[in-house]
Amino acid sequence: MILTVTLNTALDITYRVRALRPHASHRVTEVTERPGGKGLNVARVLAALGHRVTATGFAGGRTGRSVQDQLAGISEVVDALVPVAGATRRTIAVVDETTGDTTQLNEPGPEIAPAEWSAFLEVYGDLVSSAAAVALCGSLPPGVPVGAYAQLVRTARSAGVPVLLDTSGEPLRRGVAARPDVVKPNADELAELTGSYEPLQATRDARRRGAHAVVASLGAEGLLAVNAEGRWRAAPPRRIQGNPTGAGDSAVAGLLSGLVDLLPWPARLARAVAVSAASVLAPAAGEFDRRVYEELLERVIVTPHNAAA
């Protein structure tokens, strides 16, 4: 079982419009609702890749019930969300069908009380001992300590369970210092962490701060990975046009899938790039086009760099 943690769970709502214009009314051509937040997107992709997943985090209010109702329909995902008094947030994506661009609106999430955080820690401690790997993903809702991910990383490592961290800002800085097995920032998050805008230098810097492996998401250019064994660039064979929302979450799922399947690093990266690129063609985050994924998987370009990491 792979355990995903989404402390700031969301109900993802995606609107599609012909063309998005400021200060204008729009007729929506399609609406989709999905369980969201980065960890739940990861869980859904992992389930589609054939893995058993347990999803924990917080859920509350009417939107929280909607998230849990939809999770119940995913056969490989077990709902272990912890109830809270506040309402689960909504995230709204507006997709411009003319340009392919997406505008994202993210609510902050409910205030988490100290007793609710303590209840979560108890659930997490029970679940992590039976997990093959853990993914800690996304932003922190109000009330959760800024060092929360560092605490969760230490718990997983004490249990001997590999842990991947995907967050940003101060939670990332503190989490990296707890020595997670993998961190997966995007280029902006990596620059904020290290102060360097040169991706290779920044990934090496992040490793020195504590992460055992750093996999930087470079958007359409793919992934850059650095660990003790070396470093690699992995890129799709062609640019995929579509909605990139959730592509990074799909990459996390691919990395975790490769980890628990004991794939060597180049094969892990190929899986992550292929499923990430295939997710760009899906209607919502947490999904991917399987035909495109299978087509790309054998064609992802993984380039090793043998100099010391």
C-alpha atoms as a PDB file:
ATOM      1  CA  MET A   1       0.000   0.000   0.000  1.00  0.00           C
ATOM      2  CA  ILE A   2       1.152   3.533  -0.837  1.00  0.00           C
ATOM      3  CA  LEU A   3       0.070   6.227   1.611  1.00  0.00           C
ATOM      4  CA  THR A   4      -0.728   9.718   0.297  1.00  0.00           C
ATOM      5  CA  VAL A   5      -1.133  12.690   2.627  1.00  0.00           C
ATOM      6  CA  THR A   6      -3.199  15.711   1.574  1.00  0.00           C
ATOM      7  CA  LEU A   7      -3.436  18.111   4.495  1.00  0.00           C
ATOM      8  CA  ASN A   8      -5.237  20.722   2.367  1.00  0.00           C
ATOM      9  CA  THR A   9      -7.756  18.496   0.603  1.00  0.00           C
ATOM     10  CA  ALA A  10      -9.956  20.168  -2.001  1.00  0.00           C
ATOM     11  CA  LEU A  11     -12.919  19.699  -4.248  1.00  0.00           C
ATOM     12  CA  ASP A  12     -11.464  20.487  -7.674  1.00  0.00           C
ATOM     13  CA  ILE A  13     -13.913  22.197 -10.018  1.00  0.00           C
ATOM     14  CA  THR A  14     -12.886  22.693 -13.649  1.00  0.00           C
ATOM     15  CA  TYR A  15     -14.771  25.010 -15.999  1.00  0.00           C
ATOM     16  CA  ARG A  16     -14.092  25.047 -19.729  1.00  0.00           C
ATOM     17  CA  VAL A  17     -14.916  28.183 -21.767  1.00  0.00           C
ATOM     18  CA  ARG A  18     -14.391  29.043 -25.435  1.00  0.00           C
ATOM     19  CA  ALA A  19     -12.186  32.025 -24.603  1.00  0.00           C
ATOM     20  CA  LEU A  20     -11.485  33.631 -21.220  1.00  0.00           C
ATOM     21  CA  ARG A  21     -11.739  37.431 -21.265  1.00  0.00           C
ATOM     22  CA  PRO A  22     -11.482  39.795 -18.262  1.00  0.00           C
ATOM     23  CA  HIS A  23     -14.599  41.801 -17.307  1.00  0.00           C
ATOM     24  CA  ALA A  24     -16.878  39.596 -19.453  1.00  0.00           C
ATOM     25  CA  SER A  25     -19.590  36.991 -18.901  1.00  0.00           C
ATOM     26  CA  HIS A  26     -18.779  33.482 -20.109  1.00  0.00           C
ATOM     27  CA  ARG A  27     -20.842  30.482 -21.103  1.00  0.00           C
ATOM     28  CA  VAL A  28     -19.287  27.363 -19.589  1.00  0.00           C
ATOM     29  CA  THR A  29     -19.085  24.488 -22.075  1.00  0.00           C
ATOM     30  CA  GLU A  30     -18.171  21.758 -19.560  1.00  0.00           C
ATOM     31  CA  VAL A  31     -17.915  21.346 -15.783  1.00  0.00           C
ATOM     32  CA  THR A  32     -16.083  18.577 -13.923  1.00  0.00           C
ATOM     33  CA  GLU A  33     -15.726  17.941 -10.184  1.00  0.00           C
ATOM     34  CA  ARG A  34     -13.062  15.672  -8.707  1.00  0.00           C
ATOM     35  CA  PRO A  35     -11.488  14.962  -5.312  1.00  0.00           C
ATOM     36  CA  GLY A  36      -8.475  17.256  -5.254  1.00  0.00           C
ATOM     37  CA  GLY A  37      -5.479  18.591  -3.475  1.00  0.00           C
ATOM     38  CA  LYS A  38      -2.087  17.352  -4.632  1.00  0.00           C
ATOM     39  CA  GLY A  39      -2.047  14.120  -2.618  1.00  0.00           C
ATOM     40  CA  LEU A  40      -5.497  13.029  -3.792  1.00  0.00           C
ATOM     41  CA  ASN A  41      -4.477  13.695  -7.399  1.00  0.00           C
ATOM     42  CA  VAL A  42      -1.433  11.495  -6.779  1.00  0.00           C
ATOM     43  CA  ALA A  43      -3.635   8.803  -5.238  1.00  0.00           C
ATOM     44  CA  ARG A  44      -5.960   8.703  -8.242  1.00  0.00           C
ATOM     45  CA  VAL A  45      -3.078   8.379 -10.712  1.00  0.00           C
ATOM     46  CA  LEU A  46      -1.433   5.658  -8.604  1.00  0.00           C
ATOM     47  CA  ALA A  47      -4.716   3.747  -8.544  1.00  0.00           C
ATOM     48  CA  ALA A  48      -4.958   4.019 -12.343  1.00  0.00           C
ATOM     49  CA  LEU A  49      -1.399   2.630 -12.539  1.00  0.00           C
ATOM     50  CA  GLY A  50      -2.564  -0.426 -10.569  1.00  0.00           C
ATOM     51  CA  HIS A  51      -1.392   0.378  -7.035  1.00  0.00           C
ATOM     52  CA  ARG A  52      -3.346   0.080  -3.804  1.00  0.00           C
ATOM     53  CA  VAL A  53      -3.485   3.467  -2.122  1.00  0.00           C
ATOM     54  CA  THR A  54      -4.640   4.813   1.225  1.00  0.00           C
ATOM     55  CA  ALA A  55      -5.422   8.533   1.226  1.00  0.00           C
ATOM     56  CA  THR A  56      -5.321  10.507   4.455  1.00  0.00           C
ATOM     57  CA  GLY A  57      -5.537  14.166   5.370  1.00  0.00           C
ATOM     58  CA  PHE A  58      -8.535  16.260   6.403  1.00  0.00           C
ATOM     59  CA  ALA A  59     -12.148  16.499   5.209  1.00  0.00           C
ATOM     60  CA  GLY A  60     -15.007  18.603   6.530  1.00  0.00           C
ATOM     61  CA  GLY A  61     -18.339  20.194   5.659  1.00  0.00           C
ATOM     62  CA  ARG A  62     -20.407  19.659   2.544  1.00  0.00           C
ATOM     63  CA  THR A  63     -17.424  19.866   0.192  1.00  0.00           C
ATOM     64  CA  GLY A  64     -15.571  17.326   2.335  1.00  0.00           C
ATOM     65  CA  ARG A  65     -18.513  14.922   2.073  1.00  0.00           C
ATOM     66  CA  SER A  66     -18.524  15.380  -1.700  1.00  0.00           C
ATOM     67  CA  VAL A  67     -14.789  14.567  -1.820  1.00  0.00           C
ATOM     68  CA  GLN A  68     -15.321  11.406   0.244  1.00  0.00           C
ATOM     69  CA  ASP A  69     -18.351  10.317  -1.784  1.00  0.00           C
ATOM     70  CA  GLN A  70     -16.283  10.520  -4.966  1.00  0.00           C
ATOM     71  CA  LEU A  71     -13.306   8.726  -3.388  1.00  0.00           C
ATOM     72  CA  ALA A  72     -15.636   5.849  -2.539  1.00  0.00           C
ATOM     73  CA  GLY A  73     -16.049   5.246  -6.266  1.00  0.00           C
ATOM     74  CA  ILE A  74     -12.323   4.614  -6.834  1.00  0.00           C
ATOM     75  CA  SER A  75     -11.746   0.918  -6.213  1.00  0.00           C
ATOM     76  CA  GLU A  76      -8.021   1.001  -5.371  1.00  0.00           C
ATOM     77  CA  VAL A  77      -8.169   4.026  -3.015  1.00  0.00           C
ATOM     78  CA  VAL A  78      -9.041   3.623   0.679  1.00  0.00           C
ATOM     79  CA  ASP A  79     -10.429   6.741   2.356  1.00  0.00           C
ATOM     80  CA  ALA A  80      -8.646   7.467   5.654  1.00  0.00           C
ATOM     81  CA  LEU A  81      -9.400  11.204   5.782  1.00  0.00           C
ATOM     82  CA  VAL A  82      -9.740  12.671   9.276  1.00  0.00           C
ATOM     83  CA  PRO A  83     -12.941  14.658   9.973  1.00  0.00           C
ATOM     84  CA  VAL A  84     -12.659  18.356  10.889  1.00  0.00           C
ATOM     85  CA  ALA A  85     -15.194  21.012  11.833  1.00  0.00           C
ATOM     86  CA  GLY A  86     -14.303  23.408   9.011  1.00  0.00           C
ATOM     87  CA  ALA A  87     -15.318  23.005   5.378  1.00  0.00           C
ATOM     88  CA  THR A  88     -12.910  21.509   2.852  1.00  0.00           C
ATOM     89  CA  ARG A  89     -11.807  24.150   0.351  1.00  0.00           C
ATOM     90  CA  ARG A  90     -12.625  24.359  -3.347  1.00  0.00           C
ATOM     91  CA  THR A  91     -10.166  24.977  -6.152  1.00  0.00           C
ATOM     92  CA  ILE A  92     -11.485  26.349  -9.415  1.00  0.00           C
ATOM     93  CA  ALA A  93      -9.692  25.971 -12.732  1.00  0.00           C
ATOM     94  CA  VAL A  94     -10.939  27.853 -15.788  1.00  0.00           C
ATOM     95  CA  VAL A  95      -9.633  26.385 -19.044  1.00  0.00           C
ATOM     96  CA  ASP A  96      -9.533  28.629 -22.106  1.00  0.00           C
ATOM     97  CA  GLU A  97     -10.254  26.254 -25.008  1.00  0.00           C
ATOM     98  CA  THR A  98      -8.838  28.673 -27.573  1.00  0.00           C
ATOM     99  CA  THR A  99      -5.383  29.093 -26.035  1.00  0.00           C
ATOM    100  CA  GLY A 100      -5.245  26.013 -23.794  1.00  0.00           C
ATOM    101  CA  ASP A 101      -4.290  28.251 -20.859  1.00  0.00           C
ATOM    102  CA  THR A 102      -5.661  27.593 -17.371  1.00  0.00           C
ATOM    103  CA  THR A 103      -6.525  30.158 -14.693  1.00  0.00           C
ATOM    104  CA  GLN A 104      -6.490  28.722 -11.169  1.00  0.00           C
ATOM    105  CA  LEU A 105      -8.323  30.011  -8.071  1.00  0.00           C
ATOM    106  CA  ASN A 106      -7.417  28.276  -4.794  1.00  0.00           C
ATOM    107  CA  GLU A 107      -9.286  28.765  -1.522  1.00  0.00           C
ATOM    108  CA  PRO A 108      -7.126  28.705   1.652  1.00  0.00           C
ATOM    109  CA  GLY A 109      -8.681  25.716   3.408  1.00  0.00           C
ATOM    110  CA  PRO A 110     -10.305  25.265   6.831  1.00  0.00           C
ATOM    111  CA  GLU A 111      -8.726  26.243  10.151  1.00  0.00           C
ATOM    112  CA  ILE A 112      -7.362  23.067  11.764  1.00  0.00           C
ATOM    113  CA  ALA A 113      -7.728  22.952  15.554  1.00  0.00           C
ATOM    114  CA  PRO A 114      -4.919  21.519  17.745  1.00  0.00           C
ATOM    115  CA  ALA A 115      -7.097  18.537  18.675  1.00  0.00           C
ATOM    116  CA  GLU A 116      -7.744  17.815  14.980  1.00  0.00           C
ATOM    117  CA  TRP A 117      -4.017  17.929  14.216  1.00  0.00           C
ATOM    118  CA  SER A 118      -3.350  15.517  17.102  1.00  0.00           C
ATOM    119  CA  ALA A 119      -6.046  13.155  15.783  1.00  0.00           C
ATOM    120  CA  PHE A 120      -4.408  13.222  12.360  1.00  0.00           C
ATOM    121  CA  LEU A 121      -0.967  12.426  13.813  1.00  0.00           C
ATOM    122  CA  GLU A 122      -2.417   9.356  15.515  1.00  0.00           C
ATOM    123  CA  VAL A 123      -4.025   8.131  12.285  1.00  0.00           C
ATOM    124  CA  TYR A 124      -0.847   8.829  10.300  1.00  0.00           C
ATOM    125  CA  GLY A 125       1.317   6.947  12.803  1.00  0.00           C
ATOM    126  CA  ASP A 126      -0.933   3.896  12.521  1.00  0.00           C
ATOM    127  CA  LEU A 127      -1.001   3.959   8.714  1.00  0.00           C
ATOM    128  CA  VAL A 128       2.650   4.645   7.955  1.00  0.00           C
ATOM    129  CA  SER A 129       3.895   1.418   9.549  1.00  0.00           C
ATOM    130  CA  SER A 130       2.101  -0.671   6.896  1.00  0.00           C
ATOM    131  CA  ALA A 131       2.958   1.547   3.904  1.00  0.00           C
ATOM    132  CA  ALA A 132       5.434   0.711   1.144  1.00  0.00           C
ATOM    133  CA  ALA A 133       6.006   4.445   0.550  1.00  0.00           C
ATOM    134  CA  VAL A 134       4.557   7.793   1.619  1.00  0.00           C
ATOM    135  CA  ALA A 135       3.790  10.938  -0.389  1.00  0.00           C
ATOM    136  CA  LEU A 136       3.454  14.224   1.512  1.00  0.00           C
ATOM    137  CA  CYS A 137       1.883  16.703  -0.873  1.00  0.00           C
ATOM    138  CA  GLY A 138       0.617  20.221  -1.124  1.00  0.00           C
ATOM    139  CA  SER A 139       0.041  23.308   0.980  1.00  0.00           C
ATOM    140  CA  LEU A 140      -0.759  23.471   4.686  1.00  0.00           C
ATOM    141  CA  PRO A 141      -4.198  24.630   5.812  1.00  0.00           C
ATOM    142  CA  PRO A 142      -4.437  27.331   8.495  1.00  0.00           C
ATOM    143  CA  GLY A 143      -3.697  26.033  11.979  1.00  0.00           C
ATOM    144  CA  VAL A 144      -1.281  23.281  10.949  1.00  0.00           C
ATOM    145  CA  PRO A 145       2.279  23.925  12.204  1.00  0.00           C
ATOM    146  CA  VAL A 146       4.696  25.152   9.544  1.00  0.00           C
ATOM    147  CA  GLY A 147       7.031  22.296  10.502  1.00  0.00           C
ATOM    148  CA  ALA A 148       4.326  19.682   9.947  1.00  0.00           C
ATOM    149  CA  TYR A 149       5.986  18.005   6.984  1.00  0.00           C
ATOM    150  CA  ALA A 150       9.319  17.778   8.801  1.00  0.00           C
ATOM    151  CA  GLN A 151       7.516  15.951  11.606  1.00  0.00           C
ATOM    152  CA  LEU A 152       5.787  13.578   9.167  1.00  0.00           C
ATOM    153  CA  VAL A 153       9.058  12.900   7.310  1.00  0.00           C
ATOM    154  CA  ARG A 154      10.768  11.951  10.582  1.00  0.00           C
ATOM    155  CA  THR A 155       7.892   9.613  11.504  1.00  0.00           C
ATOM    156  CA  ALA A 156       8.118   7.819   8.149  1.00  0.00           C
ATOM    157  CA  ARG A 157      11.894   7.523   8.301  1.00  0.00           C
ATOM    158  CA  SER A 158      11.711   6.151  11.866  1.00  0.00           C
ATOM    159  CA  ALA A 159       9.384   3.451  10.523  1.00  0.00           C
ATOM    160  CA  GLY A 160      11.830   2.679   7.680  1.00  0.00           C
ATOM    161  CA  VAL A 161       9.344   3.819   5.028  1.00  0.00           C
ATOM    162  CA  PRO A 162      10.595   5.879   2.031  1.00  0.00           C
ATOM    163  CA  VAL A 163       8.960   9.292   1.848  1.00  0.00           C
ATOM    164  CA  LEU A 164       8.532  11.785  -0.997  1.00  0.00           C
ATOM    165  CA  LEU A 165       7.864  15.461  -0.224  1.00  0.00           C
ATOM    166  CA  ASP A 166       6.132  17.803  -2.682  1.00  0.00           C
ATOM    167  CA  THR A 167       5.413  21.228  -1.201  1.00  0.00           C
ATOM    168  CA  SER A 168       6.807  24.758  -1.292  1.00  0.00           C
ATOM    169  CA  GLY A 169       8.009  27.714   0.763  1.00  0.00           C
ATOM    170  CA  GLU A 170       8.844  27.380   4.432  1.00  0.00           C
ATOM    171  CA  PRO A 171       7.199  23.916   4.783  1.00  0.00           C
ATOM    172  CA  LEU A 172       9.578  22.695   2.037  1.00  0.00           C
ATOM    173  CA  ARG A 173      12.623  24.308   3.655  1.00  0.00           C
ATOM    174  CA  ARG A 174      11.885  22.672   6.998  1.00  0.00           C
ATOM    175  CA  GLY A 175      10.839  19.394   5.423  1.00  0.00           C
ATOM    176  CA  VAL A 176      14.058  19.061   3.415  1.00  0.00           C
ATOM    177  CA  ALA A 177      16.076  19.408   6.622  1.00  0.00           C
ATOM    178  CA  ALA A 178      14.318  16.267   7.952  1.00  0.00           C
ATOM    179  CA  ARG A 179      16.034  14.289   5.139  1.00  0.00           C
ATOM    180  CA  PRO A 180      13.193  12.929   2.974  1.00  0.00           C
ATOM    181  CA  ASP A 181      14.105  10.271   0.431  1.00  0.00           C
ATOM    182  CA  VAL A 182      12.862  12.391  -2.487  1.00  0.00           C
ATOM    183  CA  VAL A 183      11.731  15.985  -2.909  1.00  0.00           C
ATOM    184  CA  LYS A 184       9.970  17.071  -6.102  1.00  0.00           C
ATOM    185  CA  PRO A 185       9.844  20.860  -6.438  1.00  0.00           C
ATOM    186  CA  ASN A 186       9.148  22.751  -9.627  1.00  0.00           C
ATOM    187  CA  ALA A 187      11.682  25.267 -10.915  1.00  0.00           C
ATOM    188  CA  ASP A 188      10.180  28.232  -9.030  1.00  0.00           C
ATOM    189  CA  GLU A 189       9.924  26.306  -5.748  1.00  0.00           C
ATOM    190  CA  LEU A 190      13.503  25.124  -6.152  1.00  0.00           C
ATOM    191  CA  ALA A 191      14.736  28.673  -6.775  1.00  0.00           C
ATOM    192  CA  GLU A 192      12.861  29.924  -3.720  1.00  0.00           C
ATOM    193  CA  LEU A 193      14.449  27.173  -1.599  1.00  0.00           C
ATOM    194  CA  THR A 194      18.033  27.600  -2.798  1.00  0.00           C
ATOM    195  CA  GLY A 195      18.261  31.101  -4.254  1.00  0.00           C
ATOM    196  CA  SER A 196      19.580  29.664  -7.533  1.00  0.00           C
ATOM    197  CA  TYR A 197      17.726  29.883 -10.853  1.00  0.00           C
ATOM    198  CA  GLU A 198      20.112  27.455 -12.570  1.00  0.00           C
ATOM    199  CA  PRO A 199      18.308  24.097 -12.242  1.00  0.00           C
ATOM    200  CA  LEU A 200      21.341  21.815 -11.915  1.00  0.00           C
ATOM    201  CA  GLN A 201      23.004  24.013  -9.317  1.00  0.00           C
ATOM    202  CA  ALA A 202      19.720  24.365  -7.443  1.00  0.00           C
ATOM    203  CA  THR A 203      19.053  20.608  -7.331  1.00  0.00           C
ATOM    204  CA  ARG A 204      22.549  19.968  -5.991  1.00  0.00           C
ATOM    205  CA  ASP A 205      21.999  22.709  -3.416  1.00  0.00           C
ATOM    206  CA  ALA A 206      18.721  21.133  -2.292  1.00  0.00           C
ATOM    207  CA  ARG A 207      20.502  17.808  -1.764  1.00  0.00           C
ATOM    208  CA  ARG A 208      23.060  19.476   0.448  1.00  0.00           C
ATOM    209  CA  ARG A 209      20.190  20.796   2.567  1.00  0.00           C
ATOM    210  CA  GLY A 210      19.137  17.245   3.414  1.00  0.00           C
ATOM    211  CA  ALA A 211      17.160  15.531   0.637  1.00  0.00           C
ATOM    212  CA  HIS A 212      18.549  12.180  -0.491  1.00  0.00           C
ATOM    213  CA  ALA A 213      17.249  12.752  -4.034  1.00  0.00           C
ATOM    214  CA  VAL A 214      15.902  15.861  -5.739  1.00  0.00           C
ATOM    215  CA  VAL A 215      13.672  15.608  -8.813  1.00  0.00           C
ATOM    216  CA  ALA A 216      12.953  19.042 -10.271  1.00  0.00           C
ATOM    217  CA  SER A 217       9.971  19.502 -12.553  1.00  0.00           C
ATOM    218  CA  LEU A 218      10.901  21.728 -15.502  1.00  0.00           C
ATOM    219  CA  GLY A 219       7.464  21.886 -17.129  1.00  0.00           C
ATOM    220  CA  ALA A 220       7.368  20.833 -20.772  1.00  0.00           C
ATOM    221  CA  GLU A 221      11.125  20.143 -20.635  1.00  0.00           C
ATOM    222  CA  GLY A 222      10.613  17.189 -18.281  1.00  0.00           C
ATOM    223  CA  LEU A 223      12.515  16.314 -15.118  1.00  0.00           C
ATOM    224  CA  LEU A 224      16.004  16.816 -13.723  1.00  0.00           C
ATOM    225  CA  ALA A 225      17.034  14.313 -11.037  1.00  0.00           C
ATOM    226  CA  VAL A 226      20.066  14.340  -8.746  1.00  0.00           C
ATOM    227  CA  ASN A 227      20.968  11.755  -6.101  1.00  0.00           C
ATOM    228  CA  ALA A 228      24.032   9.975  -4.716  1.00  0.00           C
ATOM    229  CA  GLU A 229      24.215   7.730  -7.813  1.00  0.00           C
ATOM    230  CA  GLY A 230      24.371  10.586 -10.305  1.00  0.00           C
ATOM    231  CA  ARG A 231      22.067  12.851 -12.256  1.00  0.00           C
ATOM    232  CA  TRP A 232      19.701  12.525 -15.208  1.00  0.00           C
ATOM    233  CA  ARG A 233      17.539  14.620 -17.511  1.00  0.00           C
ATOM    234  CA  ALA A 234      14.293  13.029 -18.680  1.00  0.00           C
ATOM    235  CA  ALA A 235      12.115  14.641 -21.345  1.00  0.00           C
ATOM    236  CA  PRO A 236       9.129  13.615 -23.485  1.00  0.00           C
ATOM    237  CA  PRO A 237       9.923  12.978 -27.159  1.00  0.00           C
ATOM    238  CA  ARG A 238       7.522  15.737 -28.196  1.00  0.00           C
ATOM    239  CA  ARG A 239       5.695  18.657 -26.630  1.00  0.00           C
ATOM    240  CA  ILE A 240       2.161  17.798 -25.527  1.00  0.00           C
ATOM    241  CA  GLN A 241      -0.391  20.610 -25.828  1.00  0.00           C
ATOM    242  CA  GLY A 242      -3.162  20.733 -23.246  1.00  0.00           C
ATOM    243  CA  ASN A 243      -4.018  21.561 -19.641  1.00  0.00           C
ATOM    244  CA  PRO A 244      -0.901  21.216 -17.443  1.00  0.00           C
ATOM    245  CA  THR A 245      -2.841  21.427 -14.154  1.00  0.00           C
ATOM    246  CA  GLY A 246      -1.940  18.319 -12.140  1.00  0.00           C
ATOM    247  CA  ALA A 247       0.969  17.263 -14.371  1.00  0.00           C
ATOM    248  CA  GLY A 248       3.360  17.618 -11.439  1.00  0.00           C
ATOM    249  CA  ASP A 249       1.115  15.426  -9.291  1.00  0.00           C
ATOM    250  CA  SER A 250       1.157  12.765 -12.008  1.00  0.00           C
ATOM    251  CA  ALA A 251       4.968  12.940 -12.022  1.00  0.00           C
ATOM    252  CA  VAL A 252       4.945  12.295  -8.252  1.00  0.00           C
ATOM    253  CA  ALA A 253       2.734   9.261  -8.826  1.00  0.00           C
ATOM    254  CA  GLY A 254       5.097   7.965 -11.508  1.00  0.00           C
ATOM    255  CA  LEU A 255       8.102   8.370  -9.211  1.00  0.00           C
ATOM    256  CA  LEU A 256       6.376   6.556  -6.352  1.00  0.00           C
ATOM    257  CA  SER A 257       5.151   3.815  -8.672  1.00  0.00           C
ATOM    258  CA  GLY A 258       8.700   3.252  -9.903  1.00  0.00           C
ATOM    259  CA  LEU A 259      10.042   3.306  -6.348  1.00  0.00           C
ATOM    260  CA  VAL A 260       7.736   0.585  -5.020  1.00  0.00           C
ATOM    261  CA  ASP A 261       8.266  -1.450  -8.213  1.00  0.00           C
ATOM    262  CA  LEU A 262      12.036  -1.245  -7.520  1.00  0.00           C
ATOM    263  CA  LEU A 263      12.800   0.274 -10.924  1.00  0.00           C
ATOM    264  CA  PRO A 264      16.243   1.806 -11.515  1.00  0.00           C
ATOM    265  CA  TRP A 265      16.259   5.605 -11.534  1.00  0.00           C
ATOM    266  CA  PRO A 266      16.194   6.074 -15.332  1.00  0.00           C
ATOM    267  CA  ALA A 267      13.085   3.866 -15.588  1.00  0.00           C
ATOM    268  CA  ARG A 268      11.409   5.704 -12.699  1.00  0.00           C
ATOM    269  CA  LEU A 269      12.005   8.994 -14.446  1.00  0.00           C
ATOM    270  CA  ALA A 270      10.705   7.663 -17.757  1.00  0.00           C
ATOM    271  CA  ARG A 271       7.492   6.505 -16.061  1.00  0.00           C
ATOM    272  CA  ALA A 272       7.103   9.846 -14.290  1.00  0.00           C
ATOM    273  CA  VAL A 273       7.615  11.888 -17.475  1.00  0.00           C
ATOM    274  CA  ALA A 274       5.303   9.676 -19.545  1.00  0.00           C
ATOM    275  CA  VAL A 275       2.385   9.788 -17.094  1.00  0.00           C
ATOM    276  CA  SER A 276       2.923  13.502 -16.469  1.00  0.00           C
ATOM    277  CA  ALA A 277       2.842  14.306 -20.191  1.00  0.00           C
ATOM    278  CA  ALA A 278      -0.200  12.060 -20.696  1.00  0.00           C
ATOM    279  CA  SER A 279      -2.042  13.908 -17.917  1.00  0.00           C
ATOM    280  CA  VAL A 280      -1.880  17.141 -19.921  1.00  0.00           C
ATOM    281  CA  LEU A 281      -4.476  15.645 -22.295  1.00  0.00           C
ATOM    282  CA  ALA A 282      -6.860  14.622 -19.492  1.00  0.00           C
ATOM    283  CA  PRO A 283      -9.912  16.739 -18.626  1.00  0.00           C
ATOM    284  CA  ALA A 284      -8.926  17.186 -14.958  1.00  0.00           C
ATOM    285  CA  ALA A 285      -5.996  16.775 -12.563  1.00  0.00           C
ATOM    286  CA  GLY A 286      -5.489  13.243 -11.251  1.00  0.00           C
ATOM    287  CA  GLU A 287      -6.208  11.589 -14.604  1.00  0.00           C
ATOM    288  CA  PHE A 288      -4.147  10.687 -17.660  1.00  0.00           C
ATOM    289  CA  ASP A 289      -4.591   9.447 -21.210  1.00  0.00           C
ATOM    290  CA  ARG A 290      -3.478   5.809 -21.032  1.00  0.00           C
ATOM    291  CA  ARG A 291      -2.945   5.456 -24.771  1.00  0.00           C
ATOM    292  CA  VAL A 292      -0.605   8.443 -24.804  1.00  0.00           C
ATOM    293  CA  TYR A 293       1.121   7.207 -21.641  1.00  0.00           C
ATOM    294  CA  GLU A 294       1.893   3.817 -23.176  1.00  0.00           C
ATOM    295  CA  GLU A 295       3.048   5.441 -26.411  1.00  0.00           C
ATOM    296  CA  LEU A 296       5.403   7.831 -24.608  1.00  0.00           C
ATOM    297  CA  LEU A 297       6.763   5.399 -22.026  1.00  0.00           C
ATOM    298  CA  GLU A 298       9.126   3.705 -24.481  1.00  0.00           C
ATOM    299  CA  ARG A 299      10.150   6.991 -26.081  1.00  0.00           C
ATOM    300  CA  VAL A 300      11.003   9.222 -23.127  1.00  0.00           C
ATOM    301  CA  ILE A 301      14.561  10.512 -23.523  1.00  0.00           C
ATOM    302  CA  VAL A 302      16.598   9.922 -20.366  1.00  0.00           C
ATOM    303  CA  THR A 303      20.109  11.372 -20.507  1.00  0.00           C
ATOM    304  CA  PRO A 304      22.605  10.431 -17.777  1.00  0.00           C
ATOM    305  CA  HIS A 305      25.235  12.834 -16.463  1.00  0.00           C
ATOM    306  CA  ASN A 306      28.054  10.904 -14.847  1.00  0.00           C
ATOM    307  CA  ALA A 307      29.751  13.686 -12.942  1.00  0.00           C
ATOM    308  CA  ALA A 308      29.440  13.501  -9.174  1.00  0.00           C
ATOM    309  CA  ALA A 309      26.122  14.719  -7.773  1.00  0.00           C
END
